[in-house]
Structure formats: structure tokens, C-alpha cells
Amino acid sequence: MAQAAWAQEHAGLYKVMHESKASRRPGMPFKEVLLARTAAAIQECMNAEAAPPGDPLTLALDLRAAVIGMLSLRINEPNLPWPPLAEQVDRFLTKLVGLPPPTQTDDRGL
């Protein structure tokens, strides 16, 4: 969600970082850090048995592709009837990583 907020605030820079020829050059180590942290978070979910076992790096790459693609499409095609961002990210986490869908809360927030 933090990446989505940043992309919405800095759409032009986001496009350069993820869609341009410059994005394929070395020198963006934050991408490696983000991938490693995502894989570590997925591994923690697996260790806690919140997600099924699997290869956390492969799942992190799948999730990265889905999120970057989704953000790029939202930037480049803003007039499409996009679902709420948080709901779409939750679906990615459920379908790609295997996390259970978020639970519904009642009127009291429980």
C-alpha cells in the first residue's frame, strides 16, 4: 500500500523507474531490497502457517509483477473502472501468496 501511495503521488517518476529503459540498468538497489523484504515477509507468513508452503522468492516475484503491473495500469489508464486499491491488493495476497482473505468486521469494528 505504501508503494501504491508513492506511485500515485509520483506517477512520472514511477513510470521512469518501472517502465523506461532506465529501469533496466543497474543502480536501483532499492528494488533488490524490496524484493528481499517481500520474500522475507512471505516466509514469515509461511512459518506462522498463515500461508501455504512454497518458494517465497518466486511468490515475491509474482506479487511484484502483479503490483507493478496494477500500478502502471492505474497510472496509464486512470479512466478504467478500477476496484478499490486495498481490495485488489488483498486479492493478490490471497490468490498469489495464499493468505486468507481479510475478515469482515461488524458495525462495532470487531
PDB file of N, CA and C in Angstrom:
ATOM      1  N   MET A   1       0.831  -1.180   0.000  1.00  0.00           N
ATOM      2  CA  MET A   1       0.000   0.000   0.000  1.00  0.00           C
ATOM      3  C   MET A   1       0.886   1.259   0.000  1.00  0.00           C
ATOM      4  N   ALA A   2       2.034   1.177   0.670  1.00  0.00           N
ATOM      5  CA  ALA A   2       2.945   2.323   0.674  1.00  0.00           C
ATOM      6  C   ALA A   2       3.473   2.583  -0.731  1.00  0.00           C
ATOM      7  N   GLN A   3       3.793   1.524  -1.458  1.00  0.00           N
ATOM      8  CA  GLN A   3       4.270   1.686  -2.828  1.00  0.00           C
ATOM      9  C   GLN A   3       3.180   2.299  -3.694  1.00  0.00           C
ATOM     10  N   ALA A   4       1.943   1.904  -3.489  1.00  0.00           N
ATOM     11  CA  ALA A   4       0.829   2.451  -4.268  1.00  0.00           C
ATOM     12  C   ALA A   4       0.652   3.932  -3.979  1.00  0.00           C
ATOM     13  N   ALA A   5       0.730   4.320  -2.710  1.00  0.00           N
ATOM     14  CA  ALA A   5       0.588   5.733  -2.359  1.00  0.00           C
ATOM     15  C   ALA A   5       1.706   6.550  -2.995  1.00  0.00           C
ATOM     16  N   TRP A   6       2.933   6.023  -2.931  1.00  0.00           N
ATOM     17  CA  TRP A   6       4.066   6.730  -3.530  1.00  0.00           C
ATOM     18  C   TRP A   6       3.886   6.852  -5.045  1.00  0.00           C
ATOM     19  N   ALA A   7       3.451   5.780  -5.695  1.00  0.00           N
ATOM     20  CA  ALA A   7       3.261   5.797  -7.145  1.00  0.00           C
ATOM     21  C   ALA A   7       2.200   6.815  -7.554  1.00  0.00           C
ATOM     22  N   GLN A   8       1.147   6.926  -6.769  1.00  0.00           N
ATOM     23  CA  GLN A   8       0.097   7.891  -7.089  1.00  0.00           C
ATOM     24  C   GLN A   8       0.594   9.325  -6.937  1.00  0.00           C
ATOM     25  N   GLU A   9       1.464   9.558  -5.971  1.00  0.00           N
ATOM     26  CA  GLU A   9       1.991  10.902  -5.745  1.00  0.00           C
ATOM     27  C   GLU A   9       3.099  11.263  -6.732  1.00  0.00           C
ATOM     28  N   HIS A  10       3.803  10.256  -7.257  1.00  0.00           N
ATOM     29  CA  HIS A  10       4.956  10.494  -8.128  1.00  0.00           C
ATOM     30  C   HIS A  10       4.822   9.653  -9.402  1.00  0.00           C
ATOM     31  N   ALA A  11       3.718   9.801 -10.089  1.00  0.00           N
ATOM     32  CA  ALA A  11       3.432   8.942 -11.245  1.00  0.00           C
ATOM     33  C   ALA A  11       4.531   9.000 -12.310  1.00  0.00           C
ATOM     34  N   GLY A  12       5.033  10.175 -12.617  1.00  0.00           N
ATOM     35  CA  GLY A  12       6.069  10.294 -13.649  1.00  0.00           C
ATOM     36  C   GLY A  12       7.343   9.578 -13.266  1.00  0.00           C
ATOM     37  N   LEU A  13       7.785   9.766 -12.048  1.00  0.00           N
ATOM     38  CA  LEU A  13       8.996   9.097 -11.580  1.00  0.00           C
ATOM     39  C   LEU A  13       8.782   7.589 -11.515  1.00  0.00           C
ATOM     40  N   TYR A  14       7.585   7.173 -11.094  1.00  0.00           N
ATOM     41  CA  TYR A  14       7.270   5.738 -11.048  1.00  0.00           C
ATOM     42  C   TYR A  14       7.407   5.125 -12.440  1.00  0.00           C
ATOM     43  N   LYS A  15       6.908   5.813 -13.462  1.00  0.00           N
ATOM     44  CA  LYS A  15       6.995   5.310 -14.832  1.00  0.00           C
ATOM     45  C   LYS A  15       8.460   5.179 -15.259  1.00  0.00           C
ATOM     46  N   VAL A  16       9.291   6.152 -14.911  1.00  0.00           N
ATOM     47  CA  VAL A  16      10.707   6.076 -15.259  1.00  0.00           C
ATOM     48  C   VAL A  16      11.349   4.885 -14.557  1.00  0.00           C
ATOM     49  N   MET A  17      11.012   4.679 -13.296  1.00  0.00           N
ATOM     50  CA  MET A  17      11.637   3.616 -12.511  1.00  0.00           C
ATOM     51  C   MET A  17      11.200   2.215 -12.925  1.00  0.00           C
ATOM     52  N   HIS A  18       9.995   2.084 -13.498  1.00  0.00           N
ATOM     53  CA  HIS A  18       9.480   0.748 -13.777  1.00  0.00           C
ATOM     54  C   HIS A  18       9.102   0.493 -15.228  1.00  0.00           C
ATOM     55  N   GLU A  19       9.044   1.521 -16.065  1.00  0.00           N
ATOM     56  CA  GLU A  19       8.595   1.314 -17.431  1.00  0.00           C
ATOM     57  C   GLU A  19       9.594   1.764 -18.496  1.00  0.00           C
ATOM     58  N   SER A  20      10.607   2.484 -18.117  1.00  0.00           N
ATOM     59  CA  SER A  20      11.534   3.032 -19.106  1.00  0.00           C
ATOM     60  C   SER A  20      12.757   2.130 -19.281  1.00  0.00           C
ATOM     61  N   LYS A  21      13.548   2.443 -20.299  1.00  0.00           N
ATOM     62  CA  LYS A  21      14.806   1.717 -20.491  1.00  0.00           C
ATOM     63  C   LYS A  21      15.737   1.925 -19.302  1.00  0.00           C
ATOM     64  N   ALA A  22      15.645   3.074 -18.656  1.00  0.00           N
ATOM     65  CA  ALA A  22      16.487   3.352 -17.491  1.00  0.00           C
ATOM     66  C   ALA A  22      16.205   2.370 -16.361  1.00  0.00           C
ATOM     67  N   SER A  23      15.000   1.843 -16.305  1.00  0.00           N
ATOM     68  CA  SER A  23      14.649   0.925 -15.219  1.00  0.00           C
ATOM     69  C   SER A  23      15.366  -0.404 -15.329  1.00  0.00           C
ATOM     70  N   ARG A  24      15.925  -0.702 -16.497  1.00  0.00           N
ATOM     71  CA  ARG A  24      16.616  -1.981 -16.701  1.00  0.00           C
ATOM     72  C   ARG A  24      18.100  -1.902 -16.404  1.00  0.00           C
ATOM     73  N   ARG A  25      18.582  -0.710 -16.129  1.00  0.00           N
ATOM     74  CA  ARG A  25      20.003  -0.541 -15.840  1.00  0.00           C
ATOM     75  C   ARG A  25      20.283  -0.797 -14.371  1.00  0.00           C
ATOM     76  N   PRO A  26      21.530  -1.191 -14.070  1.00  0.00           N
ATOM     77  CA  PRO A  26      21.904  -1.324 -12.658  1.00  0.00           C
ATOM     78  C   PRO A  26      21.854   0.048 -11.983  1.00  0.00           C
ATOM     79  N   GLY A  27      21.785   0.058 -10.687  1.00  0.00           N
ATOM     80  CA  GLY A  27      21.810   1.327  -9.976  1.00  0.00           C
ATOM     81  C   GLY A  27      20.523   1.628  -9.234  1.00  0.00           C
ATOM     82  N   MET A  28      19.640   0.653  -9.166  1.00  0.00           N
ATOM     83  CA  MET A  28      18.417   0.833  -8.390  1.00  0.00           C
ATOM     84  C   MET A  28      18.354  -0.280  -7.344  1.00  0.00           C
ATOM     85  N   PRO A  29      19.298  -0.249  -6.387  1.00  0.00           N
ATOM     86  CA  PRO A  29      19.368  -1.333  -5.406  1.00  0.00           C
ATOM     87  C   PRO A  29      18.126  -1.447  -4.526  1.00  0.00           C
ATOM     88  N   PHE A  30      17.338  -0.384  -4.441  1.00  0.00           N
ATOM     89  CA  PHE A  30      16.117  -0.457  -3.631  1.00  0.00           C
ATOM     90  C   PHE A  30      15.190  -1.551  -4.136  1.00  0.00           C
ATOM     91  N   LYS A  31      15.251  -1.850  -5.442  1.00  0.00           N
ATOM     92  CA  LYS A  31      14.400  -2.906  -5.987  1.00  0.00           C
ATOM     93  C   LYS A  31      14.792  -4.266  -5.411  1.00  0.00           C
ATOM     94  N   GLU A  32      16.088  -4.509  -5.282  1.00  0.00           N
ATOM     95  CA  GLU A  32      16.553  -5.763  -4.693  1.00  0.00           C
ATOM     96  C   GLU A  32      16.177  -5.846  -3.220  1.00  0.00           C
ATOM     97  N   VAL A  33      16.283  -4.716  -2.521  1.00  0.00           N
ATOM     98  CA  VAL A  33      15.923  -4.674  -1.095  1.00  0.00           C
ATOM     99  C   VAL A  33      14.434  -4.949  -0.942  1.00  0.00           C
ATOM    100  N   LEU A  34      13.615  -4.320  -1.766  1.00  0.00           N
ATOM    101  CA  LEU A  34      12.171  -4.519  -1.691  1.00  0.00           C
ATOM    102  C   LEU A  34      11.810  -5.979  -1.963  1.00  0.00           C
ATOM    103  N   LEU A  35      12.450  -6.584  -2.952  1.00  0.00           N
ATOM    104  CA  LEU A  35      12.187  -7.989  -3.261  1.00  0.00           C
ATOM    105  C   LEU A  35      12.591  -8.888  -2.093  1.00  0.00           C
ATOM    106  N   ALA A  36      13.758  -8.637  -1.519  1.00  0.00           N
ATOM    107  CA  ALA A  36      14.221  -9.448  -0.381  1.00  0.00           C
ATOM    108  C   ALA A  36      13.293  -9.298   0.816  1.00  0.00           C
ATOM    109  N   ARG A  37      12.843  -8.084   1.083  1.00  0.00           N
ATOM    110  CA  ARG A  37      11.936  -7.870   2.219  1.00  0.00           C
ATOM    111  C   ARG A  37      10.580  -8.527   1.981  1.00  0.00           C
ATOM    112  N   THR A  38      10.111  -8.475   0.743  1.00  0.00           N
ATOM    113  CA  THR A  38       8.834  -9.121   0.428  1.00  0.00           C
ATOM    114  C   THR A  38       8.959 -10.627   0.593  1.00  0.00           C
ATOM    115  N   ALA A  39      10.038 -11.203   0.086  1.00  0.00           N
ATOM    116  CA  ALA A  39      10.250 -12.647   0.231  1.00  0.00           C
ATOM    117  C   ALA A  39      10.355 -13.030   1.706  1.00  0.00           C
ATOM    118  N   ALA A  40      11.029 -12.204   2.512  1.00  0.00           N
ATOM    119  CA  ALA A  40      11.151 -12.482   3.945  1.00  0.00           C
ATOM    120  C   ALA A  40       9.785 -12.410   4.631  1.00  0.00           C
ATOM    121  N   ALA A  41       8.962 -11.454   4.246  1.00  0.00           N
ATOM    122  CA  ALA A  41       7.621 -11.338   4.829  1.00  0.00           C
ATOM    123  C   ALA A  41       6.764 -12.545   4.459  1.00  0.00           C
ATOM    124  N   ILE A  42       6.880 -12.995   3.220  1.00  0.00           N
ATOM    125  CA  ILE A  42       6.138 -14.182   2.795  1.00  0.00           C
ATOM    126  C   ILE A  42       6.619 -15.404   3.571  1.00  0.00           C
ATOM    127  N   GLN A  43       7.921 -15.516   3.768  1.00  0.00           N
ATOM    128  CA  GLN A  43       8.464 -16.628   4.554  1.00  0.00           C
ATOM    129  C   GLN A  43       7.933 -16.584   5.978  1.00  0.00           C
ATOM    130  N   GLU A  44       7.828 -15.409   6.561  1.00  0.00           N
ATOM    131  CA  GLU A  44       7.269 -15.286   7.915  1.00  0.00           C
ATOM    132  C   GLU A  44       5.822 -15.767   7.943  1.00  0.00           C
ATOM    133  N   CYS A  45       5.056 -15.436   6.906  1.00  0.00           N
ATOM    134  CA  CYS A  45       3.662 -15.911   6.830  1.00  0.00           C
ATOM    135  C   CYS A  45       3.628 -17.433   6.742  1.00  0.00           C
ATOM    136  N   MET A  46       4.544 -17.999   5.974  1.00  0.00           N
ATOM    137  CA  MET A  46       4.612 -19.459   5.855  1.00  0.00           C
ATOM    138  C   MET A  46       5.015 -20.079   7.192  1.00  0.00           C
ATOM    139  N   ASN A  47       5.996 -19.492   7.864  1.00  0.00           N
ATOM    140  CA  ASN A  47       6.447 -20.007   9.151  1.00  0.00           C
ATOM    141  C   ASN A  47       5.326 -19.979  10.190  1.00  0.00           C
ATOM    142  N   ALA A  48       4.471 -18.968  10.093  1.00  0.00           N
ATOM    143  CA  ALA A  48       3.344 -18.842  11.024  1.00  0.00           C
ATOM    144  C   ALA A  48       2.130 -19.648  10.558  1.00  0.00           C
ATOM    145  N   GLU A  49       2.297 -20.374   9.453  1.00  0.00           N
ATOM    146  CA  GLU A  49       1.236 -21.186   8.856  1.00  0.00           C
ATOM    147  C   GLU A  49       0.016 -20.359   8.445  1.00  0.00           C
ATOM    148  N   ALA A  50       0.262 -19.066   8.120  1.00  0.00           N
ATOM    149  CA  ALA A  50      -0.794 -18.206   7.596  1.00  0.00           C
ATOM    150  C   ALA A  50      -0.872 -18.319   6.078  1.00  0.00           C
ATOM    151  N   ALA A  51       0.189 -18.838   5.468  1.00  0.00           N
ATOM    152  CA  ALA A  51       0.237 -19.059   4.021  1.00  0.00           C
ATOM    153  C   ALA A  51       0.776 -20.461   3.786  1.00  0.00           C
ATOM    154  N   PRO A  52       0.349 -21.095   2.696  1.00  0.00           N
ATOM    155  CA  PRO A  52       0.844 -22.440   2.417  1.00  0.00           C
ATOM    156  C   PRO A  52       2.339 -22.435   2.094  1.00  0.00           C
ATOM    157  N   PRO A  53       3.004 -23.568   2.304  1.00  0.00           N
ATOM    158  CA  PRO A  53       4.423 -23.634   1.984  1.00  0.00           C
ATOM    159  C   PRO A  53       4.661 -23.411   0.490  1.00  0.00           C
ATOM    160  N   GLY A  54       5.827 -22.910   0.197  1.00  0.00           N
ATOM    161  CA  GLY A  54       6.197 -22.670  -1.195  1.00  0.00           C
ATOM    162  C   GLY A  54       7.527 -21.950  -1.236  1.00  0.00           C
ATOM    163  N   ASP A  55       7.885 -21.501  -2.417  1.00  0.00           N
ATOM    164  CA  ASP A  55       9.131 -20.763  -2.601  1.00  0.00           C
ATOM    165  C   ASP A  55       8.840 -19.275  -2.420  1.00  0.00           C
ATOM    166  N   PRO A  56       9.272 -18.668  -1.308  1.00  0.00           N
ATOM    167  CA  PRO A  56       8.933 -17.272  -1.062  1.00  0.00           C
ATOM    168  C   PRO A  56       9.481 -16.310  -2.106  1.00  0.00           C
ATOM    169  N   LEU A  57      10.631 -16.616  -2.687  1.00  0.00           N
ATOM    170  CA  LEU A  57      11.188 -15.728  -3.707  1.00  0.00           C
ATOM    171  C   LEU A  57      10.317 -15.739  -4.963  1.00  0.00           C
ATOM    172  N   THR A  58       9.886 -16.914  -5.386  1.00  0.00           N
ATOM    173  CA  THR A  58       9.010 -17.000  -6.556  1.00  0.00           C
ATOM    174  C   THR A  58       7.707 -16.245  -6.303  1.00  0.00           C
ATOM    175  N   LEU A  59       7.140 -16.432  -5.120  1.00  0.00           N
ATOM    176  CA  LEU A  59       5.895 -15.741  -4.787  1.00  0.00           C
ATOM    177  C   LEU A  59       6.108 -14.235  -4.703  1.00  0.00           C
ATOM    178  N   ALA A  60       7.251 -13.803  -4.176  1.00  0.00           N
ATOM    179  CA  ALA A  60       7.557 -12.374  -4.116  1.00  0.00           C
ATOM    180  C   ALA A  60       7.665 -11.779  -5.516  1.00  0.00           C
ATOM    181  N   LEU A  61       8.262 -12.525  -6.428  1.00  0.00           N
ATOM    182  CA  LEU A  61       8.349 -12.054  -7.816  1.00  0.00           C
ATOM    183  C   LEU A  61       6.969 -11.982  -8.463  1.00  0.00           C
ATOM    184  N   ASP A  62       6.130 -12.987  -8.215  1.00  0.00           N
ATOM    185  CA  ASP A  62       4.755 -12.950  -8.732  1.00  0.00           C
ATOM    186  C   ASP A  62       4.010 -11.737  -8.192  1.00  0.00           C
ATOM    187  N   LEU A  63       4.140 -11.507  -6.889  1.00  0.00           N
ATOM    188  CA  LEU A  63       3.454 -10.391  -6.255  1.00  0.00           C
ATOM    189  C   LEU A  63       3.986  -9.062  -6.795  1.00  0.00           C
ATOM    190  N   ARG A  64       5.295  -8.974  -6.966  1.00  0.00           N
ATOM    191  CA  ARG A  64       5.898  -7.753  -7.523  1.00  0.00           C
ATOM    192  C   ARG A  64       5.368  -7.482  -8.929  1.00  0.00           C
ATOM    193  N   ALA A  65       5.297  -8.504  -9.748  1.00  0.00           N
ATOM    194  CA  ALA A  65       4.780  -8.331 -11.109  1.00  0.00           C
ATOM    195  C   ALA A  65       3.329  -7.849 -11.079  1.00  0.00           C
ATOM    196  N   ALA A  66       2.535  -8.438 -10.203  1.00  0.00           N
ATOM    197  CA  ALA A  66       1.121  -8.050 -10.111  1.00  0.00           C
ATOM    198  C   ALA A  66       0.982  -6.604  -9.633  1.00  0.00           C
ATOM    199  N   VAL A  67       1.708  -6.229  -8.604  1.00  0.00           N
ATOM    200  CA  VAL A  67       1.575  -4.883  -8.043  1.00  0.00           C
ATOM    201  C   VAL A  67       2.114  -3.830  -9.008  1.00  0.00           C
ATOM    202  N   ILE A  68       3.295  -4.065  -9.574  1.00  0.00           N
ATOM    203  CA  ILE A  68       3.852  -3.095 -10.511  1.00  0.00           C
ATOM    204  C   ILE A  68       2.959  -2.963 -11.740  1.00  0.00           C
ATOM    205  N   GLY A  69       2.464  -4.078 -12.240  1.00  0.00           N
ATOM    206  CA  GLY A  69       1.562  -4.022 -13.383  1.00  0.00           C
ATOM    207  C   GLY A  69       0.286  -3.280 -13.055  1.00  0.00           C
ATOM    208  N   MET A  70      -0.290  -3.566 -11.894  1.00  0.00           N
ATOM    209  CA  MET A  70      -1.520  -2.905 -11.474  1.00  0.00           C
ATOM    210  C   MET A  70      -1.301  -1.406 -11.336  1.00  0.00           C
ATOM    211  N   LEU A  71      -0.198  -1.003 -10.711  1.00  0.00           N
ATOM    212  CA  LEU A  71       0.061   0.422 -10.526  1.00  0.00           C
ATOM    213  C   LEU A  71       0.311   1.111 -11.860  1.00  0.00           C
ATOM    214  N   SER A  72       1.063   0.465 -12.742  1.00  0.00           N
ATOM    215  CA  SER A  72       1.304   1.048 -14.058  1.00  0.00           C
ATOM    216  C   SER A  72       0.009   1.213 -14.839  1.00  0.00           C
ATOM    217  N   LEU A  73      -0.835   0.214 -14.786  1.00  0.00           N
ATOM    218  CA  LEU A  73      -2.124   0.320 -15.486  1.00  0.00           C
ATOM    219  C   LEU A  73      -2.986   1.426 -14.896  1.00  0.00           C
ATOM    220  N   ARG A  74      -3.012   1.550 -13.579  1.00  0.00           N
ATOM    221  CA  ARG A  74      -3.796   2.615 -12.955  1.00  0.00           C
ATOM    222  C   ARG A  74      -3.277   3.996 -13.352  1.00  0.00           C
ATOM    223  N   ILE A  75      -1.952   4.133 -13.480  1.00  0.00           N
ATOM    224  CA  ILE A  75      -1.368   5.412 -13.895  1.00  0.00           C
ATOM    225  C   ILE A  75      -1.666   5.682 -15.365  1.00  0.00           C
ATOM    226  N   ASN A  76      -1.501   4.672 -16.218  1.00  0.00           N
ATOM    227  CA  ASN A  76      -1.636   4.861 -17.661  1.00  0.00           C
ATOM    228  C   ASN A  76      -3.076   4.833 -18.162  1.00  0.00           C
ATOM    229  N   GLU A  77      -3.959   4.204 -17.414  1.00  0.00           N
ATOM    230  CA  GLU A  77      -5.358   4.099 -17.827  1.00  0.00           C
ATOM    231  C   GLU A  77      -6.273   4.465 -16.650  1.00  0.00           C
ATOM    232  N   PRO A  78      -6.198   5.713 -16.210  1.00  0.00           N
ATOM    233  CA  PRO A  78      -6.931   6.102 -14.998  1.00  0.00           C
ATOM    234  C   PRO A  78      -8.453   6.099 -15.159  1.00  0.00           C
ATOM    235  N   ASN A  79      -8.946   6.076 -16.373  1.00  0.00           N
ATOM    236  CA  ASN A  79     -10.395   6.143 -16.580  1.00  0.00           C
ATOM    237  C   ASN A  79     -11.090   4.787 -16.546  1.00  0.00           C
ATOM    238  N   LEU A  80     -10.331   3.711 -16.379  1.00  0.00           N
ATOM    239  CA  LEU A  80     -10.978   2.402 -16.256  1.00  0.00           C
ATOM    240  C   LEU A  80     -11.669   2.300 -14.899  1.00  0.00           C
ATOM    241  N   PRO A  81     -12.669   1.457 -14.789  1.00  0.00           N
ATOM    242  CA  PRO A  81     -13.398   1.339 -13.519  1.00  0.00           C
ATOM    243  C   PRO A  81     -12.652   0.471 -12.505  1.00  0.00           C
ATOM    244  N   TRP A  82     -11.539   0.975 -12.000  1.00  0.00           N
ATOM    245  CA  TRP A  82     -10.686   0.210 -11.097  1.00  0.00           C
ATOM    246  C   TRP A  82     -11.407  -0.100  -9.796  1.00  0.00           C
ATOM    247  N   PRO A  83     -11.224  -1.318  -9.295  1.00  0.00           N
ATOM    248  CA  PRO A  83     -11.765  -1.632  -7.967  1.00  0.00           C
ATOM    249  C   PRO A  83     -10.943  -0.878  -6.922  1.00  0.00           C
ATOM    250  N   PRO A  84     -11.436  -0.781  -5.708  1.00  0.00           N
ATOM    251  CA  PRO A  84     -10.636  -0.138  -4.666  1.00  0.00           C
ATOM    252  C   PRO A  84      -9.260  -0.812  -4.547  1.00  0.00           C
ATOM    253  N   LEU A  85      -8.258   0.003  -4.389  1.00  0.00           N
ATOM    254  CA  LEU A  85      -6.877  -0.469  -4.368  1.00  0.00           C
ATOM    255  C   LEU A  85      -6.644  -1.528  -3.293  1.00  0.00           C
ATOM    256  N   ALA A  86      -7.094  -1.259  -2.078  1.00  0.00           N
ATOM    257  CA  ALA A  86      -6.858  -2.200  -0.974  1.00  0.00           C
ATOM    258  C   ALA A  86      -7.502  -3.553  -1.259  1.00  0.00           C
ATOM    259  N   GLU A  87      -8.680  -3.550  -1.858  1.00  0.00           N
ATOM    260  CA  GLU A  87      -9.346  -4.816  -2.192  1.00  0.00           C
ATOM    261  C   GLU A  87      -8.558  -5.584  -3.241  1.00  0.00           C
ATOM    262  N   GLN A  88      -8.009  -4.881  -4.223  1.00  0.00           N
ATOM    263  CA  GLN A  88      -7.232  -5.554  -5.262  1.00  0.00           C
ATOM    264  C   GLN A  88      -5.948  -6.138  -4.678  1.00  0.00           C
ATOM    265  N   VAL A  89      -5.283  -5.391  -3.824  1.00  0.00           N
ATOM    266  CA  VAL A  89      -4.056  -5.897  -3.190  1.00  0.00           C
ATOM    267  C   VAL A  89      -4.379  -7.114  -2.318  1.00  0.00           C
ATOM    268  N   ASP A  90      -5.491  -7.053  -1.589  1.00  0.00           N
ATOM    269  CA  ASP A  90      -5.898  -8.215  -0.786  1.00  0.00           C
ATOM    270  C   ASP A  90      -6.113  -9.445  -1.663  1.00  0.00           C
ATOM    271  N   ARG A  91      -6.718  -9.253  -2.836  1.00  0.00           N
ATOM    272  CA  ARG A  91      -6.911 -10.397  -3.749  1.00  0.00           C
ATOM    273  C   ARG A  91      -5.576 -10.950  -4.218  1.00  0.00           C
ATOM    274  N   PHE A  92      -4.611 -10.074  -4.508  1.00  0.00           N
ATOM    275  CA  PHE A  92      -3.279 -10.549  -4.903  1.00  0.00           C
ATOM    276  C   PHE A  92      -2.670 -11.399  -3.789  1.00  0.00           C
ATOM    277  N   LEU A  93      -2.759 -10.912  -2.560  1.00  0.00           N
ATOM    278  CA  LEU A  93      -2.180 -11.641  -1.432  1.00  0.00           C
ATOM    279  C   LEU A  93      -2.877 -12.978  -1.219  1.00  0.00           C
ATOM    280  N   THR A  94      -4.178 -13.017  -1.450  1.00  0.00           N
ATOM    281  CA  THR A  94      -4.923 -14.263  -1.288  1.00  0.00           C
ATOM    282  C   THR A  94      -4.614 -15.232  -2.417  1.00  0.00           C
ATOM    283  N   LYS A  95      -4.685 -14.752  -3.652  1.00  0.00           N
ATOM    284  CA  LYS A  95      -4.550 -15.650  -4.798  1.00  0.00           C
ATOM    285  C   LYS A  95      -3.108 -16.012  -5.122  1.00  0.00           C
ATOM    286  N   LEU A  96      -2.183 -15.108  -4.903  1.00  0.00           N
ATOM    287  CA  LEU A  96      -0.790 -15.383  -5.255  1.00  0.00           C
ATOM    288  C   LEU A  96      -0.001 -15.979  -4.087  1.00  0.00           C
ATOM    289  N   VAL A  97      -0.191 -15.432  -2.901  1.00  0.00           N
ATOM    290  CA  VAL A  97       0.590 -15.868  -1.744  1.00  0.00           C
ATOM    291  C   VAL A  97      -0.137 -16.954  -0.964  1.00  0.00           C
ATOM    292  N   GLY A  98      -1.474 -16.938  -1.018  1.00  0.00           N
ATOM    293  CA  GLY A  98      -2.252 -17.939  -0.300  1.00  0.00           C
ATOM    294  C   GLY A  98      -2.721 -17.488   1.065  1.00  0.00           C
ATOM    295  N   LEU A  99      -2.585 -16.187   1.351  1.00  0.00           N
ATOM    296  CA  LEU A  99      -3.085 -15.691   2.629  1.00  0.00           C
ATOM    297  C   LEU A  99      -4.605 -15.716   2.618  1.00  0.00           C
ATOM    298  N   PRO A 100      -5.224 -15.959   3.752  1.00  0.00           N
ATOM    299  CA  PRO A 100      -6.692 -15.950   3.779  1.00  0.00           C
ATOM    300  C   PRO A 100      -7.202 -14.537   3.522  1.00  0.00           C
ATOM    301  N   PRO A 101      -8.395 -14.436   2.937  1.00  0.00           N
ATOM    302  CA  PRO A 101      -8.950 -13.097   2.718  1.00  0.00           C
ATOM    303  C   PRO A 101      -9.185 -12.402   4.050  1.00  0.00           C
ATOM    304  N   PRO A 102      -9.125 -11.074   4.052  1.00  0.00           N
ATOM    305  CA  PRO A 102      -9.395 -10.370   5.305  1.00  0.00           C
ATOM    306  C   PRO A 102     -10.801 -10.661   5.781  1.00  0.00           C
ATOM    307  N   THR A 103     -10.972 -10.665   7.074  1.00  0.00           N
ATOM    308  CA  THR A 103     -12.299 -10.934   7.628  1.00  0.00           C
ATOM    309  C   THR A 103     -13.125  -9.654   7.612  1.00  0.00           C
ATOM    310  N   GLN A 104     -14.423  -9.842   7.502  1.00  0.00           N
ATOM    311  CA  GLN A 104     -15.340  -8.716   7.561  1.00  0.00           C
ATOM    312  C   GLN A 104     -15.500  -8.276   9.005  1.00  0.00           C
ATOM    313  N   THR A 105     -15.695  -7.003   9.231  1.00  0.00           N
ATOM    314  CA  THR A 105     -15.938  -6.508  10.571  1.00  0.00           C
ATOM    315  C   THR A 105     -17.390  -6.099  10.713  1.00  0.00           C
ATOM    316  N   ASP A 106     -17.895  -6.180  11.928  1.00  0.00           N
ATOM    317  CA  ASP A 106     -19.275  -5.749  12.139  1.00  0.00           C
ATOM    318  C   ASP A 106     -19.310  -4.250  12.366  1.00  0.00           C
ATOM    319  N   ASP A 107     -20.468  -3.703  12.662  1.00  0.00           N
ATOM    320  CA  ASP A 107     -20.620  -2.253  12.822  1.00  0.00           C
ATOM    321  C   ASP A 107     -19.783  -1.687  13.960  1.00  0.00           C
ATOM    322  N   ARG A 108     -19.383  -2.506  14.906  1.00  0.00           N
ATOM    323  CA  ARG A 108     -18.579  -2.043  16.029  1.00  0.00           C
ATOM    324  C   ARG A 108     -17.092  -2.096  15.717  1.00  0.00           C
ATOM    325  N   GLY A 109     -16.726  -2.540  14.514  1.00  0.00           N
ATOM    326  CA  GLY A 109     -15.325  -2.653  14.147  1.00  0.00           C
ATOM    327  C   GLY A 109     -14.656  -3.899  14.647  1.00  0.00           C
ATOM    328  N   LEU A 110     -15.460  -4.885  15.056  1.00  0.00           N
ATOM    329  CA  LEU A 110     -14.902  -6.144  15.580  1.00  0.00           C
ATOM    330  C   LEU A 110     -14.824  -7.200  14.500  1.00  0.00           C
TER     331      LEU A 110
END
